[in-house]
Amino acid sequence: MIAGFTFVHDDRTYACHAEERAAGEAEWWWWFTVTRDGNRYAPFHAVARDTRASVQSRIVAYYANHLAHRAMTQREHWARRPKPGAPGVAPARAAAAGAAAAAAAKAK
């Protein structure tokens, strides 16, 4: 397994290292921190075939995706979707019927 390392990407410094799972099982995870972000992340398992380049590319991809999700104004999540019949939300059938009626009137 490779040793921990630091790299710079898009003006951010990433410091990463492999660490054994706290539960004492024989699982190793890649942990990393990023400048200007107070969190520590462990997005994937460390494996024997890891290279510095493969770990770095996975960390950059993970963090870019994380930032994209963080920047979303309204997250789509099944639990946050409006319930059918909720105030101000038209049921799907009524909306579809209204659209069909408007299209038919426009065609005349």
C-alpha atoms as a PDB file:
ATOM      1  CA  MET A   1       0.000   0.000   0.000  1.00  0.00           C
ATOM      2  CA  ILE A   2       1.305   3.458  -0.845  1.00  0.00           C
ATOM      3  CA  ALA A   3       2.077   6.032   1.821  1.00  0.00           C
ATOM      4  CA  GLY A   4       0.022   9.136   2.360  1.00  0.00           C
ATOM      5  CA  PHE A   5       0.744  12.151   0.166  1.00  0.00           C
ATOM      6  CA  THR A   6      -0.245  15.740  -0.542  1.00  0.00           C
ATOM      7  CA  PHE A   7      -1.098  17.316  -3.890  1.00  0.00           C
ATOM      8  CA  VAL A   8      -2.522  20.556  -5.289  1.00  0.00           C
ATOM      9  CA  HIS A   9      -5.435  20.710  -7.720  1.00  0.00           C
ATOM     10  CA  ASP A  10      -7.491  23.809  -8.682  1.00  0.00           C
ATOM     11  CA  ASP A  11      -5.780  25.931  -6.004  1.00  0.00           C
ATOM     12  CA  ARG A  12      -6.749  23.464  -3.272  1.00  0.00           C
ATOM     13  CA  THR A  13      -4.276  21.364  -1.315  1.00  0.00           C
ATOM     14  CA  TYR A  14      -5.386  17.790  -0.674  1.00  0.00           C
ATOM     15  CA  ALA A  15      -3.729  15.738   2.063  1.00  0.00           C
ATOM     16  CA  CYS A  16      -4.581  12.047   1.944  1.00  0.00           C
ATOM     17  CA  HIS A  17      -3.575   8.881   3.746  1.00  0.00           C
ATOM     18  CA  ALA A  18      -4.832   5.333   4.212  1.00  0.00           C
ATOM     19  CA  GLU A  19      -6.147   4.499   7.649  1.00  0.00           C
ATOM     20  CA  GLU A  20      -7.457   1.289   9.164  1.00  0.00           C
ATOM     21  CA  ARG A  21     -11.125   1.241  10.063  1.00  0.00           C
ATOM     22  CA  ALA A  22     -11.725   2.174  13.702  1.00  0.00           C
ATOM     23  CA  ALA A  23     -13.798  -0.950  14.348  1.00  0.00           C
ATOM     24  CA  GLY A  24     -10.616  -3.003  14.138  1.00  0.00           C
ATOM     25  CA  GLU A  25     -11.620  -4.918  11.027  1.00  0.00           C
ATOM     26  CA  ALA A  26      -8.955  -5.368   8.403  1.00  0.00           C
ATOM     27  CA  GLU A  27     -10.371  -2.621   6.173  1.00  0.00           C
ATOM     28  CA  TRP A  28      -8.342   0.350   5.056  1.00  0.00           C
ATOM     29  CA  TRP A  29      -9.899   3.567   3.732  1.00  0.00           C
ATOM     30  CA  TRP A  30      -8.437   6.566   1.942  1.00  0.00           C
ATOM     31  CA  TRP A  31      -9.020   9.660   4.060  1.00  0.00           C
ATOM     32  CA  PHE A  32      -8.407  13.174   2.828  1.00  0.00           C
ATOM     33  CA  THR A  33      -8.716  16.805   3.864  1.00  0.00           C
ATOM     34  CA  VAL A  34      -8.885  19.861   1.635  1.00  0.00           C
ATOM     35  CA  THR A  35      -7.790  23.427   2.329  1.00  0.00           C
ATOM     36  CA  ARG A  36     -10.688  25.780   3.128  1.00  0.00           C
ATOM     37  CA  ASP A  37     -12.934  22.801   4.035  1.00  0.00           C
ATOM     38  CA  GLY A  38     -13.154  21.809   7.681  1.00  0.00           C
ATOM     39  CA  ASN A  39     -14.326  18.259   6.957  1.00  0.00           C
ATOM     40  CA  ARG A  40     -12.415  15.024   6.579  1.00  0.00           C
ATOM     41  CA  TYR A  41     -13.588  12.526   3.948  1.00  0.00           C
ATOM     42  CA  ALA A  42     -13.180   8.758   3.521  1.00  0.00           C
ATOM     43  CA  PRO A  43     -14.823   8.024   0.174  1.00  0.00           C
ATOM     44  CA  PHE A  44     -13.352   4.644  -0.774  1.00  0.00           C
ATOM     45  CA  HIS A  45     -11.409   1.576   0.312  1.00  0.00           C
ATOM     46  CA  ALA A  46      -7.644   1.389  -0.028  1.00  0.00           C
ATOM     47  CA  VAL A  47      -6.501  -1.573  -2.089  1.00  0.00           C
ATOM     48  CA  ALA A  48      -3.073  -3.033  -2.893  1.00  0.00           C
ATOM     49  CA  ARG A  49      -3.216  -1.954  -6.562  1.00  0.00           C
ATOM     50  CA  ASP A  50      -3.720   1.742  -5.685  1.00  0.00           C
ATOM     51  CA  THR A  51      -1.198   4.147  -7.151  1.00  0.00           C
ATOM     52  CA  ARG A  52      -0.678   7.778  -6.313  1.00  0.00           C
ATOM     53  CA  ALA A  53      -2.214   8.773  -9.666  1.00  0.00           C
ATOM     54  CA  SER A  54      -5.278   6.518  -9.260  1.00  0.00           C
ATOM     55  CA  VAL A  55      -5.964   7.716  -5.716  1.00  0.00           C
ATOM     56  CA  GLN A  56      -5.463  11.347  -6.716  1.00  0.00           C
ATOM     57  CA  SER A  57      -7.866  11.102  -9.663  1.00  0.00           C
ATOM     58  CA  ARG A  58     -10.516   9.353  -7.546  1.00  0.00           C
ATOM     59  CA  ILE A  59     -10.221  11.971  -4.801  1.00  0.00           C
ATOM     60  CA  VAL A  60     -10.457  14.882  -7.264  1.00  0.00           C
ATOM     61  CA  ALA A  61     -13.501  13.317  -8.960  1.00  0.00           C
ATOM     62  CA  TYR A  62     -15.172  12.614  -5.612  1.00  0.00           C
ATOM     63  CA  TYR A  63     -14.600  16.135  -4.317  1.00  0.00           C
ATOM     64  CA  ALA A  64     -15.738  17.797  -7.577  1.00  0.00           C
ATOM     65  CA  ASN A  65     -18.972  15.793  -7.377  1.00  0.00           C
ATOM     66  CA  HIS A  66     -19.315  16.729  -3.708  1.00  0.00           C
ATOM     67  CA  LEU A  67     -18.947  20.441  -4.521  1.00  0.00           C
ATOM     68  CA  ALA A  68     -21.476  20.181  -7.357  1.00  0.00           C
ATOM     69  CA  HIS A  69     -24.044  18.625  -5.026  1.00  0.00           C
ATOM     70  CA  ARG A  70     -23.305  21.185  -2.332  1.00  0.00           C
ATOM     71  CA  ALA A  71     -23.921  24.023  -4.835  1.00  0.00           C
ATOM     72  CA  MET A  72     -27.377  22.774  -5.838  1.00  0.00           C
ATOM     73  CA  THR A  73     -30.113  25.121  -4.683  1.00  0.00           C
ATOM     74  CA  GLN A  74     -32.792  22.491  -4.411  1.00  0.00           C
ATOM     75  CA  ARG A  75     -31.838  18.883  -4.058  1.00  0.00           C
ATOM     76  CA  GLU A  76     -34.015  16.262  -5.605  1.00  0.00           C
ATOM     77  CA  HIS A  77     -34.602  13.600  -3.028  1.00  0.00           C
ATOM     78  CA  TRP A  78     -37.478  11.185  -2.826  1.00  0.00           C
ATOM     79  CA  ALA A  79     -38.369  12.262   0.711  1.00  0.00           C
ATOM     80  CA  ARG A  80     -38.432  15.966  -0.205  1.00  0.00           C
ATOM     81  CA  ARG A  81     -40.629  15.699  -3.281  1.00  0.00           C
ATOM     82  CA  PRO A  82     -44.101  17.187  -2.881  1.00  0.00           C
ATOM     83  CA  LYS A  83     -46.740  14.657  -1.955  1.00  0.00           C
ATOM     84  CA  PRO A  84     -49.571  14.110  -4.465  1.00  0.00           C
ATOM     85  CA  GLY A  85     -52.457  16.434  -3.695  1.00  0.00           C
ATOM     86  CA  ALA A  86     -50.336  18.779  -1.591  1.00  0.00           C
ATOM     87  CA  PRO A  87     -51.478  22.430  -1.674  1.00  0.00           C
ATOM     88  CA  GLY A  88     -50.169  24.207  -4.749  1.00  0.00           C
ATOM     89  CA  VAL A  89     -49.205  20.961  -6.493  1.00  0.00           C
ATOM     90  CA  ALA A  90     -51.374  19.802  -9.375  1.00  0.00           C
ATOM     91  CA  PRO A  91     -51.813  16.056  -9.674  1.00  0.00           C
ATOM     92  CA  ALA A  92     -49.990  14.627 -12.686  1.00  0.00           C
ATOM     93  CA  ARG A  93     -53.170  13.547 -14.480  1.00  0.00           C
ATOM     94  CA  ALA A  94     -54.814  16.958 -14.128  1.00  0.00           C
ATOM     95  CA  ALA A  95     -51.679  18.692 -15.364  1.00  0.00           C
ATOM     96  CA  ALA A  96     -51.440  16.337 -18.347  1.00  0.00           C
ATOM     97  CA  ALA A  97     -55.135  16.811 -19.173  1.00  0.00           C
ATOM     98  CA  GLY A  98     -54.750  20.588 -18.984  1.00  0.00           C
ATOM     99  CA  ALA A  99     -51.759  20.467 -21.302  1.00  0.00           C
ATOM    100  CA  ALA A 100     -53.644  18.248 -23.778  1.00  0.00           C
ATOM    101  CA  ALA A 101     -56.650  20.599 -23.732  1.00  0.00           C
ATOM    102  CA  ALA A 102     -54.420  23.628 -24.299  1.00  0.00           C
ATOM    103  CA  ALA A 103     -52.701  21.904 -27.220  1.00  0.00           C
ATOM    104  CA  ALA A 104     -56.062  20.966 -28.767  1.00  0.00           C
ATOM    105  CA  ALA A 105     -57.366  24.524 -28.438  1.00  0.00           C
ATOM    106  CA  LYS A 106     -54.198  25.891 -29.999  1.00  0.00           C
ATOM    107  CA  ALA A 107     -54.486  23.470 -32.945  1.00  0.00           C
ATOM    108  CA  LYS A 108     -57.985  24.788 -33.862  1.00  0.00           C
END
